[in-house]
N, C-alpha and C. Protein backbone atom coordinates (compact mmCIF):
# COMPACT_ATOMS: atom_id res chain seq x y z
N UNK A 1 93.01 78.89 115.26
CA UNK A 1 93.58 80.22 115.08
C UNK A 1 92.56 81.08 114.31
N UNK A 2 92.36 82.28 114.75
CA UNK A 2 91.40 83.16 114.11
C UNK A 2 91.84 83.49 112.69
N UNK A 3 90.86 83.66 111.81
CA UNK A 3 91.16 83.94 110.41
C UNK A 3 91.99 85.20 110.23
N UNK A 4 91.69 86.24 111.01
CA UNK A 4 92.44 87.48 110.88
C UNK A 4 93.90 87.30 111.30
N UNK A 5 94.12 86.56 112.35
CA UNK A 5 95.49 86.29 112.81
C UNK A 5 96.24 85.47 111.78
N UNK A 6 95.60 84.46 111.22
CA UNK A 6 96.22 83.63 110.19
C UNK A 6 96.57 84.47 108.96
N UNK A 7 95.67 85.35 108.57
CA UNK A 7 95.93 86.22 107.42
C UNK A 7 97.13 87.13 107.69
N UNK A 8 97.22 87.67 108.90
CA UNK A 8 98.34 88.54 109.25
C UNK A 8 99.66 87.77 109.25
N UNK A 9 99.65 86.54 109.75
CA UNK A 9 100.85 85.71 109.73
C UNK A 9 101.28 85.46 108.28
N UNK A 10 100.33 85.15 107.42
CA UNK A 10 100.66 84.87 106.02
C UNK A 10 101.18 86.12 105.31
N UNK A 11 100.62 87.28 105.62
CA UNK A 11 101.12 88.53 105.04
C UNK A 11 102.54 88.81 105.51
N UNK A 12 102.78 88.60 106.81
CA UNK A 12 104.12 88.81 107.35
C UNK A 12 105.11 87.84 106.72
N UNK A 13 104.72 86.58 106.58
CA UNK A 13 105.58 85.59 105.95
C UNK A 13 105.93 86.00 104.52
N UNK A 14 104.95 86.47 103.78
CA UNK A 14 105.17 86.88 102.40
C UNK A 14 106.16 88.04 102.33
N UNK A 15 105.94 89.05 103.17
CA UNK A 15 106.85 90.20 103.21
C UNK A 15 108.25 89.78 103.64
N UNK A 16 108.33 88.90 104.62
CA UNK A 16 109.62 88.41 105.11
C UNK A 16 110.37 87.67 104.01
N UNK A 17 109.69 86.80 103.29
CA UNK A 17 110.34 86.05 102.22
C UNK A 17 110.83 86.98 101.11
N UNK A 18 110.05 87.99 100.76
CA UNK A 18 110.50 88.95 99.75
C UNK A 18 111.71 89.73 100.25
N UNK A 19 111.71 90.09 101.52
CA UNK A 19 112.85 90.81 102.10
C UNK A 19 114.11 89.95 102.07
N UNK A 20 114.00 88.68 102.47
CA UNK A 20 115.21 87.87 102.48
C UNK A 20 115.72 87.61 101.07
N UNK A 21 114.81 87.51 100.11
CA UNK A 21 115.27 87.37 98.73
C UNK A 21 116.04 88.61 98.31
N UNK A 22 115.53 89.77 98.68
CA UNK A 22 116.22 91.02 98.33
C UNK A 22 117.60 91.08 99.00
N UNK A 23 117.65 90.75 100.29
CA UNK A 23 118.93 90.75 101.00
C UNK A 23 119.94 89.83 100.32
N UNK A 24 119.50 88.64 99.98
CA UNK A 24 120.40 87.65 99.39
C UNK A 24 120.85 88.03 97.99
N UNK A 25 119.97 88.68 97.24
CA UNK A 25 120.34 89.09 95.89
C UNK A 25 121.26 90.31 95.89
N UNK A 26 121.10 91.20 96.88
CA UNK A 26 121.95 92.39 96.97
C UNK A 26 123.34 92.05 97.48
N UNK A 27 123.42 91.19 98.49
CA UNK A 27 124.71 90.83 99.08
C UNK A 27 124.53 89.47 99.76
N UNK A 28 124.85 88.42 99.03
CA UNK A 28 124.60 87.07 99.52
C UNK A 28 125.30 86.80 100.85
N UNK A 29 126.56 87.16 100.96
CA UNK A 29 127.31 86.88 102.19
C UNK A 29 126.70 87.59 103.40
N UNK A 30 126.37 88.86 103.25
CA UNK A 30 125.76 89.59 104.36
C UNK A 30 124.37 89.03 104.66
N UNK A 31 123.61 88.70 103.62
CA UNK A 31 122.29 88.12 103.82
C UNK A 31 122.35 86.81 104.57
N UNK A 32 123.33 85.97 104.21
CA UNK A 32 123.51 84.70 104.91
C UNK A 32 123.81 84.92 106.38
N UNK A 33 124.65 85.91 106.67
CA UNK A 33 125.00 86.23 108.05
C UNK A 33 123.79 86.74 108.82
N UNK A 34 123.06 87.66 108.22
CA UNK A 34 121.88 88.23 108.89
C UNK A 34 120.82 87.17 109.16
N UNK A 35 120.66 86.25 108.21
CA UNK A 35 119.62 85.24 108.33
C UNK A 35 120.08 84.00 109.09
N UNK A 36 121.39 83.79 109.14
CA UNK A 36 121.90 82.59 109.78
C UNK A 36 121.65 81.33 108.97
N UNK A 37 121.78 81.44 107.63
CA UNK A 37 121.55 80.29 106.76
C UNK A 37 122.81 79.93 105.99
N UNK A 38 122.84 78.70 105.50
CA UNK A 38 123.97 78.21 104.71
C UNK A 38 123.90 78.75 103.29
N UNK A 39 124.97 78.57 102.56
CA UNK A 39 125.02 79.00 101.16
C UNK A 39 123.96 78.26 100.34
N UNK A 40 123.80 76.99 100.61
CA UNK A 40 122.81 76.19 99.87
C UNK A 40 121.39 76.69 100.14
N UNK A 41 121.09 76.97 101.41
CA UNK A 41 119.77 77.48 101.76
C UNK A 41 119.56 78.86 101.15
N UNK A 42 120.59 79.69 101.15
CA UNK A 42 120.50 81.02 100.55
C UNK A 42 120.18 80.92 99.06
N UNK A 43 120.83 79.99 98.37
CA UNK A 43 120.56 79.81 96.94
C UNK A 43 119.13 79.39 96.69
N UNK A 44 118.62 78.48 97.52
CA UNK A 44 117.23 78.01 97.36
C UNK A 44 116.26 79.16 97.60
N UNK A 45 116.47 79.92 98.67
CA UNK A 45 115.57 81.03 99.00
C UNK A 45 115.60 82.11 97.93
N UNK A 46 116.78 82.44 97.43
CA UNK A 46 116.91 83.49 96.42
C UNK A 46 116.27 83.09 95.10
N UNK A 47 116.22 81.78 94.83
CA UNK A 47 115.70 81.30 93.55
C UNK A 47 114.20 81.03 93.54
N UNK A 48 113.53 81.18 94.68
CA UNK A 48 112.09 80.92 94.73
C UNK A 48 111.34 81.83 93.77
N UNK A 49 110.39 81.27 93.05
CA UNK A 49 109.52 82.07 92.19
C UNK A 49 108.47 82.75 93.07
N UNK A 50 107.77 83.72 92.50
CA UNK A 50 106.73 84.41 93.26
C UNK A 50 105.64 83.42 93.70
N UNK A 51 105.32 82.47 92.84
CA UNK A 51 104.32 81.45 93.18
C UNK A 51 104.81 80.59 94.35
N UNK A 52 106.08 80.22 94.35
CA UNK A 52 106.65 79.43 95.44
C UNK A 52 106.71 80.22 96.73
N UNK A 53 107.03 81.52 96.64
CA UNK A 53 107.03 82.39 97.81
C UNK A 53 105.62 82.44 98.41
N UNK A 54 104.62 82.62 97.56
CA UNK A 54 103.24 82.69 98.04
C UNK A 54 102.82 81.38 98.70
N UNK A 55 103.20 80.26 98.11
CA UNK A 55 102.86 78.95 98.68
C UNK A 55 103.53 78.76 100.04
N UNK A 56 104.80 79.12 100.13
CA UNK A 56 105.52 78.98 101.40
C UNK A 56 104.96 79.95 102.45
N UNK A 57 104.60 81.14 102.04
CA UNK A 57 104.07 82.14 102.97
C UNK A 57 102.71 81.73 103.54
N UNK A 58 102.01 80.85 102.85
CA UNK A 58 100.66 80.46 103.26
C UNK A 58 100.62 79.46 104.41
N UNK A 59 101.79 78.99 104.87
CA UNK A 59 101.78 78.04 105.98
C UNK A 59 101.26 78.75 107.24
N UNK A 60 100.58 78.04 108.12
CA UNK A 60 99.98 78.68 109.30
C UNK A 60 100.95 78.82 110.48
N UNK A 61 102.19 79.15 110.19
CA UNK A 61 103.17 79.40 111.25
C UNK A 61 104.09 80.52 110.82
N UNK A 62 104.66 81.20 111.77
CA UNK A 62 105.57 82.31 111.48
C UNK A 62 106.90 81.75 111.02
N UNK A 63 107.38 82.20 109.86
CA UNK A 63 108.60 81.66 109.28
C UNK A 63 109.86 82.28 109.87
N UNK A 64 109.80 83.53 110.27
CA UNK A 64 110.99 84.15 110.86
C UNK A 64 111.09 83.74 112.32
N UNK A 65 112.29 83.81 112.86
CA UNK A 65 112.47 83.40 114.25
C UNK A 65 113.10 84.53 115.05
N UNK A 66 112.84 84.52 116.31
CA UNK A 66 113.41 85.50 117.23
C UNK A 66 114.78 84.98 117.63
N UNK A 67 115.84 85.72 117.31
CA UNK A 67 117.18 85.18 117.44
C UNK A 67 117.92 85.57 118.72
N UNK A 68 117.29 86.32 119.62
CA UNK A 68 117.94 86.63 120.89
C UNK A 68 117.80 85.41 121.80
N UNK A 69 118.91 84.76 122.09
CA UNK A 69 118.88 83.59 122.97
C UNK A 69 119.18 83.97 124.41
N UNK A 70 119.70 85.17 124.61
CA UNK A 70 120.09 85.61 125.93
C UNK A 70 119.22 86.80 126.32
N UNK A 71 118.46 86.64 127.39
CA UNK A 71 117.55 87.72 127.79
C UNK A 71 118.28 88.99 128.20
N UNK A 72 119.56 88.91 128.57
CA UNK A 72 120.28 90.11 128.96
C UNK A 72 120.54 91.02 127.75
N UNK A 73 120.75 90.42 126.59
CA UNK A 73 120.93 91.23 125.37
C UNK A 73 119.63 91.95 125.04
N UNK A 74 118.53 91.22 125.09
CA UNK A 74 117.22 91.83 124.82
C UNK A 74 116.92 92.93 125.83
N UNK A 75 117.19 92.68 127.09
CA UNK A 75 116.95 93.69 128.13
C UNK A 75 117.82 94.92 127.90
N UNK A 76 119.07 94.71 127.54
CA UNK A 76 119.98 95.84 127.30
C UNK A 76 119.50 96.67 126.11
N UNK A 77 119.05 96.01 125.06
CA UNK A 77 118.57 96.73 123.88
C UNK A 77 117.28 97.50 124.17
N UNK A 78 116.40 96.90 124.91
CA UNK A 78 115.10 97.54 125.15
C UNK A 78 115.12 98.56 126.27
N UNK A 79 116.12 98.49 127.13
CA UNK A 79 116.19 99.45 128.23
C UNK A 79 117.27 100.51 128.02
N UNK A 80 117.75 100.64 126.79
CA UNK A 80 118.65 101.72 126.43
C UNK A 80 120.08 101.57 126.91
N UNK A 81 120.49 100.38 127.32
CA UNK A 81 121.86 100.20 127.78
C UNK A 81 122.83 100.02 126.62
N UNK A 82 122.32 99.67 125.46
CA UNK A 82 123.13 99.54 124.25
C UNK A 82 122.55 100.49 123.22
N UNK A 83 123.41 101.29 122.61
CA UNK A 83 122.92 102.21 121.59
C UNK A 83 122.70 101.45 120.29
N UNK A 84 121.51 101.56 119.75
CA UNK A 84 121.17 100.93 118.48
C UNK A 84 121.30 102.00 117.41
N UNK A 85 122.04 101.72 116.32
CA UNK A 85 122.18 102.73 115.27
C UNK A 85 120.83 103.10 114.68
N UNK A 86 120.70 104.34 114.29
CA UNK A 86 119.45 104.80 113.68
C UNK A 86 119.17 104.00 112.43
N UNK A 87 117.91 103.65 112.24
CA UNK A 87 117.51 102.89 111.07
C UNK A 87 117.48 103.83 109.87
N UNK A 88 118.18 103.47 108.78
CA UNK A 88 118.15 104.32 107.60
C UNK A 88 116.77 104.29 106.95
N UNK A 89 116.46 105.34 106.25
CA UNK A 89 115.20 105.40 105.52
C UNK A 89 115.16 104.24 104.54
N UNK A 90 113.99 103.57 104.38
CA UNK A 90 113.92 102.39 103.52
C UNK A 90 114.30 102.64 102.06
N UNK A 91 114.24 103.87 101.61
CA UNK A 91 114.57 104.15 100.22
C UNK A 91 116.04 104.49 100.02
N UNK A 92 116.78 104.59 101.12
CA UNK A 92 118.21 104.86 101.01
C UNK A 92 118.97 103.57 101.23
N UNK A 93 120.18 103.53 100.74
CA UNK A 93 120.97 102.31 100.92
C UNK A 93 121.54 102.26 102.32
N UNK A 94 121.77 101.05 102.81
CA UNK A 94 122.31 100.88 104.15
C UNK A 94 123.83 100.88 104.07
N UNK A 95 124.49 101.29 105.13
CA UNK A 95 125.96 101.25 105.15
C UNK A 95 126.45 99.82 104.97
N UNK A 96 127.58 99.67 104.34
CA UNK A 96 128.13 98.34 104.10
C UNK A 96 128.38 97.63 105.41
N UNK A 97 128.07 96.33 105.42
CA UNK A 97 128.35 95.50 106.58
C UNK A 97 127.25 95.47 107.62
N UNK A 98 126.13 96.15 107.39
CA UNK A 98 125.05 96.14 108.36
C UNK A 98 123.93 95.23 107.89
N UNK A 99 123.38 94.47 108.80
CA UNK A 99 122.20 93.66 108.48
C UNK A 99 120.99 94.58 108.50
N UNK A 100 120.01 94.22 107.71
CA UNK A 100 118.79 95.02 107.67
C UNK A 100 118.00 94.86 108.93
């Protein structure tokens, strides 16, 4: 794997881990639903130190997963058949009950 690609994967992993920690700390139940993880896994992820996050982010594989298992859902979303709510500005709070 090229060094630049590996670096980008590690940067994405780091950002992803920080995001999931934020989700879980703000609203554990919603974070668990968005991530598809158990309460135990949520507790472990939320409790990671910055050093542990950096170590985990350094693995040479993408940590997040693509969760569309049905190509018809993906096709509907990408071809405008399903309306996707507008993404709120990152500095504003999201409406209750929505995954990030």
